[in-house]
Amino acid sequence: MAASLAPYSEFHHPSTIDTSICVPTHTVRIILRTTDEDGANDYVDGTDIFININEATQETKLMWEDLWIEGPPIFDGGTIPDALKWINELAEPFYTQFKDPFLFPDIE
């Protein structure tokens, strides 16, 4: 998994969105890899999530959920190197984790 965060830009969403009502403050780009009983999948998916951060109240609100909850991901079934290139197009990742902690728990 990896995630990057950038201030919102009008270039981060489809042109069909009406931005005159309310716009996000940030775009979060994530990539996820699924695992099953056979292990980790070789391919990953990714999408953009839009959030609004209210600095005065310190609250974060998800926005435009219908863009990323329904339908296929924006980055669909790619390799990890390609996904990292895609995520870096938005910003350098602030979080990366390549080992599944549920399949490979750390032993102390």
N, C-alpha and C. Protein backbone atom coordinates (compact mmCIF):
# COMPACT_ATOMS: atom_id res chain seq x y z
N MET A 1 0.85 -1.17 0.00
CA MET A 1 0.00 0.00 0.00
C MET A 1 0.89 1.23 0.00
N ALA A 2 0.41 2.25 -0.67
CA ALA A 2 1.10 3.54 -0.66
C ALA A 2 0.04 4.63 -0.74
N ALA A 3 0.38 5.79 -0.23
CA ALA A 3 -0.54 6.93 -0.28
C ALA A 3 0.25 8.22 -0.44
N SER A 4 -0.30 9.12 -1.25
CA SER A 4 0.27 10.46 -1.37
C SER A 4 -0.86 11.47 -1.20
N LEU A 5 -0.47 12.70 -0.90
CA LEU A 5 -1.43 13.75 -0.60
C LEU A 5 -0.96 15.04 -1.24
N ALA A 6 -1.89 15.76 -1.86
CA ALA A 6 -1.56 17.05 -2.47
C ALA A 6 -2.74 18.00 -2.30
N PRO A 7 -2.46 19.29 -2.25
CA PRO A 7 -3.58 20.24 -2.26
C PRO A 7 -4.43 20.01 -3.51
N TYR A 8 -5.72 20.19 -3.36
CA TYR A 8 -6.65 19.94 -4.46
C TYR A 8 -6.35 20.84 -5.65
N SER A 9 -6.51 20.30 -6.84
CA SER A 9 -6.39 21.04 -8.08
C SER A 9 -7.54 20.63 -8.99
N GLU A 10 -8.00 21.54 -9.82
CA GLU A 10 -9.09 21.22 -10.74
C GLU A 10 -8.70 20.14 -11.74
N PHE A 11 -7.42 19.85 -11.86
CA PHE A 11 -6.95 18.80 -12.77
C PHE A 11 -7.06 17.41 -12.16
N HIS A 12 -7.48 17.31 -10.90
CA HIS A 12 -7.55 16.03 -10.19
C HIS A 12 -8.88 15.32 -10.36
N HIS A 13 -9.84 15.87 -11.06
CA HIS A 13 -11.16 15.25 -11.14
C HIS A 13 -11.72 15.33 -12.56
N PRO A 14 -12.73 14.50 -12.84
CA PRO A 14 -13.38 14.57 -14.16
C PRO A 14 -14.07 15.91 -14.35
N SER A 15 -14.16 16.36 -15.56
CA SER A 15 -14.76 17.67 -15.85
C SER A 15 -16.27 17.70 -15.63
N THR A 16 -16.88 16.56 -15.34
CA THR A 16 -18.33 16.52 -15.13
C THR A 16 -18.74 16.97 -13.73
N ILE A 17 -17.79 17.22 -12.86
CA ILE A 17 -18.10 17.62 -11.48
C ILE A 17 -18.37 19.12 -11.42
N ASP A 18 -19.43 19.49 -10.70
CA ASP A 18 -19.77 20.90 -10.50
C ASP A 18 -18.98 21.41 -9.30
N THR A 19 -17.95 22.18 -9.55
CA THR A 19 -17.10 22.67 -8.45
C THR A 19 -17.57 24.01 -7.90
N SER A 20 -18.70 24.52 -8.38
CA SER A 20 -19.19 25.81 -7.88
C SER A 20 -19.83 25.67 -6.50
N ILE A 21 -20.21 24.45 -6.11
CA ILE A 21 -20.88 24.25 -4.82
C ILE A 21 -19.86 24.16 -3.69
N CYS A 22 -19.00 23.17 -3.76
CA CYS A 22 -18.01 22.96 -2.72
C CYS A 22 -16.89 22.12 -3.32
N VAL A 23 -15.67 22.50 -3.04
CA VAL A 23 -14.54 21.74 -3.58
C VAL A 23 -13.70 21.20 -2.42
N PRO A 24 -13.00 20.10 -2.67
CA PRO A 24 -12.13 19.55 -1.65
C PRO A 24 -10.92 20.46 -1.42
N THR A 25 -10.26 20.24 -0.31
CA THR A 25 -9.01 20.96 -0.06
C THR A 25 -7.81 20.12 -0.48
N HIS A 26 -7.99 18.79 -0.51
CA HIS A 26 -6.87 17.90 -0.82
C HIS A 26 -7.33 16.68 -1.63
N THR A 27 -6.38 16.12 -2.38
CA THR A 27 -6.57 14.86 -3.07
C THR A 27 -5.63 13.85 -2.44
N VAL A 28 -6.16 12.68 -2.08
CA VAL A 28 -5.34 11.59 -1.54
C VAL A 28 -5.33 10.50 -2.61
N ARG A 29 -4.15 10.11 -3.03
CA ARG A 29 -4.02 9.04 -4.03
C ARG A 29 -3.51 7.80 -3.30
N ILE A 30 -4.22 6.68 -3.47
CA ILE A 30 -3.83 5.45 -2.79
C ILE A 30 -3.68 4.31 -3.79
N ILE A 31 -2.81 3.37 -3.44
CA ILE A 31 -2.74 2.10 -4.15
C ILE A 31 -2.84 0.99 -3.12
N LEU A 32 -3.56 -0.05 -3.49
CA LEU A 32 -3.80 -1.19 -2.60
C LEU A 32 -3.50 -2.48 -3.33
N ARG A 33 -3.01 -3.45 -2.56
CA ARG A 33 -2.80 -4.80 -3.10
C ARG A 33 -3.62 -5.76 -2.25
N THR A 34 -4.32 -6.64 -2.91
CA THR A 34 -5.13 -7.61 -2.19
C THR A 34 -4.32 -8.87 -1.89
N THR A 35 -4.76 -9.58 -0.88
CA THR A 35 -4.16 -10.87 -0.53
C THR A 35 -5.26 -11.88 -0.31
N ASP A 36 -4.92 -13.14 -0.50
CA ASP A 36 -5.85 -14.22 -0.22
C ASP A 36 -5.05 -15.37 0.37
N GLU A 37 -5.67 -16.55 0.44
CA GLU A 37 -4.99 -17.69 1.07
C GLU A 37 -3.73 -18.12 0.32
N ASP A 38 -3.60 -17.72 -0.94
CA ASP A 38 -2.41 -18.05 -1.73
C ASP A 38 -1.30 -17.02 -1.58
N GLY A 39 -1.58 -15.91 -0.91
CA GLY A 39 -0.57 -14.87 -0.71
C GLY A 39 -0.97 -13.56 -1.35
N ALA A 40 0.02 -12.70 -1.51
CA ALA A 40 -0.23 -11.36 -2.04
C ALA A 40 -0.37 -11.40 -3.56
N ASN A 41 -1.30 -10.63 -4.07
CA ASN A 41 -1.52 -10.50 -5.50
C ASN A 41 -0.34 -9.75 -6.12
N ASP A 42 0.06 -10.10 -7.31
CA ASP A 42 1.16 -9.42 -7.98
C ASP A 42 0.76 -8.05 -8.51
N TYR A 43 -0.53 -7.81 -8.63
CA TYR A 43 -1.01 -6.56 -9.21
C TYR A 43 -1.73 -5.72 -8.17
N VAL A 44 -1.75 -4.41 -8.40
CA VAL A 44 -2.36 -3.48 -7.45
C VAL A 44 -3.37 -2.60 -8.17
N ASP A 45 -4.25 -1.98 -7.39
CA ASP A 45 -5.23 -1.03 -7.88
C ASP A 45 -5.03 0.29 -7.15
N GLY A 46 -5.47 1.37 -7.76
CA GLY A 46 -5.34 2.67 -7.11
C GLY A 46 -6.44 3.61 -7.52
N THR A 47 -6.68 4.60 -6.67
CA THR A 47 -7.70 5.60 -6.97
C THR A 47 -7.39 6.88 -6.22
N ASP A 48 -8.11 7.93 -6.56
CA ASP A 48 -8.01 9.22 -5.87
C ASP A 48 -9.22 9.38 -4.96
N ILE A 49 -8.97 9.85 -3.76
CA ILE A 49 -10.02 10.15 -2.79
C ILE A 49 -9.94 11.65 -2.51
N PHE A 50 -11.08 12.30 -2.47
CA PHE A 50 -11.12 13.74 -2.26
C PHE A 50 -11.60 14.03 -0.85
N ILE A 51 -10.88 14.94 -0.17
CA ILE A 51 -11.24 15.29 1.20
C ILE A 51 -11.26 16.80 1.37
N ASN A 52 -11.99 17.24 2.38
CA ASN A 52 -12.02 18.65 2.76
C ASN A 52 -11.57 18.71 4.22
N ILE A 53 -10.51 19.45 4.46
CA ILE A 53 -9.98 19.60 5.82
C ILE A 53 -10.34 20.99 6.31
N ASN A 54 -11.08 21.03 7.42
CA ASN A 54 -11.44 22.29 8.05
C ASN A 54 -10.40 22.56 9.13
N GLU A 55 -9.52 23.50 8.88
CA GLU A 55 -8.45 23.77 9.84
C GLU A 55 -8.97 24.32 11.16
N ALA A 56 -10.05 25.08 11.12
CA ALA A 56 -10.58 25.68 12.34
C ALA A 56 -11.11 24.62 13.30
N THR A 57 -11.82 23.61 12.76
CA THR A 57 -12.41 22.58 13.62
C THR A 57 -11.57 21.31 13.69
N GLN A 58 -10.51 21.24 12.86
CA GLN A 58 -9.65 20.06 12.79
C GLN A 58 -10.44 18.82 12.36
N GLU A 59 -11.42 18.99 11.48
CA GLU A 59 -12.22 17.89 10.97
C GLU A 59 -11.91 17.64 9.50
N THR A 60 -11.96 16.37 9.13
CA THR A 60 -11.76 15.97 7.75
C THR A 60 -13.03 15.30 7.25
N LYS A 61 -13.46 15.69 6.06
CA LYS A 61 -14.70 15.16 5.50
C LYS A 61 -14.41 14.58 4.12
N LEU A 62 -14.89 13.36 3.87
CA LEU A 62 -14.79 12.76 2.53
C LEU A 62 -15.73 13.49 1.59
N MET A 63 -15.30 13.65 0.35
CA MET A 63 -16.12 14.34 -0.64
C MET A 63 -16.20 13.52 -1.92
N TRP A 64 -17.24 13.71 -2.67
CA TRP A 64 -17.43 13.11 -3.98
C TRP A 64 -17.21 11.59 -3.95
N GLU A 65 -17.76 10.95 -2.92
CA GLU A 65 -17.58 9.51 -2.75
C GLU A 65 -18.02 8.70 -3.96
N ASP A 66 -19.05 9.19 -4.67
CA ASP A 66 -19.54 8.44 -5.82
C ASP A 66 -18.48 8.30 -6.92
N LEU A 67 -17.47 9.15 -6.92
CA LEU A 67 -16.41 9.04 -7.92
C LEU A 67 -15.47 7.87 -7.65
N TRP A 68 -15.30 7.52 -6.38
CA TRP A 68 -14.31 6.48 -6.07
C TRP A 68 -14.88 5.24 -5.39
N ILE A 69 -16.12 5.27 -4.98
CA ILE A 69 -16.71 4.07 -4.36
C ILE A 69 -17.25 3.13 -5.43
N GLU A 70 -17.92 3.67 -6.43
CA GLU A 70 -18.53 2.87 -7.49
C GLU A 70 -17.57 2.74 -8.68
N GLY A 71 -17.67 1.63 -9.37
CA GLY A 71 -16.92 1.46 -10.60
C GLY A 71 -15.49 1.00 -10.39
N PRO A 72 -14.79 0.87 -11.49
CA PRO A 72 -13.41 0.37 -11.42
C PRO A 72 -12.47 1.44 -10.87
N PRO A 73 -11.33 1.02 -10.33
CA PRO A 73 -10.35 1.99 -9.86
C PRO A 73 -9.73 2.76 -11.03
N ILE A 74 -9.15 3.90 -10.75
CA ILE A 74 -8.48 4.69 -11.79
C ILE A 74 -7.26 3.94 -12.31
N PHE A 75 -6.47 3.41 -11.40
CA PHE A 75 -5.30 2.60 -11.76
C PHE A 75 -5.72 1.16 -11.52
N ASP A 76 -5.90 0.40 -12.58
CA ASP A 76 -6.54 -0.92 -12.47
C ASP A 76 -5.59 -2.05 -12.87
N GLY A 77 -5.20 -2.86 -11.88
CA GLY A 77 -4.45 -4.07 -12.14
C GLY A 77 -3.06 -3.87 -12.72
N GLY A 78 -2.31 -2.93 -12.19
CA GLY A 78 -0.96 -2.69 -12.67
C GLY A 78 0.09 -3.27 -11.74
N THR A 79 1.33 -3.17 -12.19
CA THR A 79 2.44 -3.65 -11.37
C THR A 79 2.77 -2.62 -10.30
N ILE A 80 3.48 -3.05 -9.28
CA ILE A 80 3.87 -2.13 -8.21
C ILE A 80 4.77 -1.00 -8.74
N PRO A 81 5.79 -1.28 -9.56
CA PRO A 81 6.58 -0.16 -10.09
C PRO A 81 5.75 0.86 -10.88
N ASP A 82 4.82 0.37 -11.71
CA ASP A 82 3.96 1.29 -12.46
C ASP A 82 3.05 2.08 -11.52
N ALA A 83 2.55 1.42 -10.48
CA ALA A 83 1.68 2.10 -9.52
C ALA A 83 2.44 3.18 -8.77
N LEU A 84 3.70 2.91 -8.43
CA LEU A 84 4.49 3.93 -7.73
C LEU A 84 4.78 5.12 -8.63
N LYS A 85 4.98 4.88 -9.91
CA LYS A 85 5.14 6.00 -10.86
C LYS A 85 3.85 6.83 -10.89
N TRP A 86 2.71 6.13 -10.94
CA TRP A 86 1.41 6.81 -10.99
C TRP A 86 1.18 7.63 -9.73
N ILE A 87 1.47 7.06 -8.57
CA ILE A 87 1.22 7.76 -7.31
C ILE A 87 2.14 8.97 -7.18
N ASN A 88 3.37 8.87 -7.70
CA ASN A 88 4.30 10.00 -7.65
C ASN A 88 3.92 11.13 -8.59
N GLU A 89 3.04 10.87 -9.56
CA GLU A 89 2.55 11.95 -10.42
C GLU A 89 1.78 12.99 -9.61
N LEU A 90 1.16 12.55 -8.52
CA LEU A 90 0.44 13.49 -7.65
C LEU A 90 1.41 14.12 -6.65
N ALA A 91 2.13 13.28 -5.93
CA ALA A 91 3.10 13.75 -4.92
C ALA A 91 3.90 12.54 -4.44
N GLU A 92 5.02 12.82 -3.81
CA GLU A 92 5.81 11.74 -3.24
C GLU A 92 4.99 11.07 -2.13
N PRO A 93 4.97 9.73 -2.09
CA PRO A 93 4.17 9.04 -1.07
C PRO A 93 4.60 9.41 0.35
N PHE A 94 3.61 9.64 1.20
CA PHE A 94 3.91 9.87 2.61
C PHE A 94 3.82 8.57 3.40
N TYR A 95 3.32 7.51 2.75
CA TYR A 95 3.20 6.21 3.41
C TYR A 95 3.40 5.11 2.37
N THR A 96 4.24 4.14 2.71
CA THR A 96 4.39 2.95 1.88
C THR A 96 4.54 1.74 2.78
N GLN A 97 3.95 0.64 2.37
CA GLN A 97 4.08 -0.64 3.08
C GLN A 97 3.90 -1.74 2.05
N PHE A 98 4.95 -2.52 1.86
CA PHE A 98 4.90 -3.54 0.83
C PHE A 98 4.67 -4.93 1.39
N LYS A 99 4.89 -5.12 2.67
CA LYS A 99 4.70 -6.42 3.30
C LYS A 99 3.35 -6.42 4.02
N ASP A 100 2.54 -7.44 3.77
CA ASP A 100 1.24 -7.54 4.42
C ASP A 100 1.44 -7.95 5.88
N PRO A 101 1.08 -7.09 6.84
CA PRO A 101 1.30 -7.42 8.25
C PRO A 101 0.42 -8.58 8.75
N PHE A 102 -0.64 -8.87 8.02
CA PHE A 102 -1.50 -9.98 8.43
C PHE A 102 -0.96 -11.32 7.94
N LEU A 103 -0.22 -11.31 6.83
CA LEU A 103 0.39 -12.54 6.34
C LEU A 103 1.76 -12.78 6.97
N PHE A 104 2.46 -11.68 7.27
CA PHE A 104 3.81 -11.78 7.80
C PHE A 104 3.94 -10.92 9.05
N PRO A 105 3.34 -11.33 10.17
CA PRO A 105 3.43 -10.51 11.37
C PRO A 105 4.88 -10.45 11.86
N ASP A 106 5.24 -9.27 12.36
CA ASP A 106 6.59 -9.12 12.92
C ASP A 106 6.72 -9.97 14.18
N ILE A 107 7.83 -10.66 14.28
CA ILE A 107 8.10 -11.49 15.45
C ILE A 107 9.11 -10.77 16.31
N GLU A 108 8.74 -10.57 17.57
CA GLU A 108 9.65 -9.86 18.48
C GLU A 108 10.34 -10.84 19.38
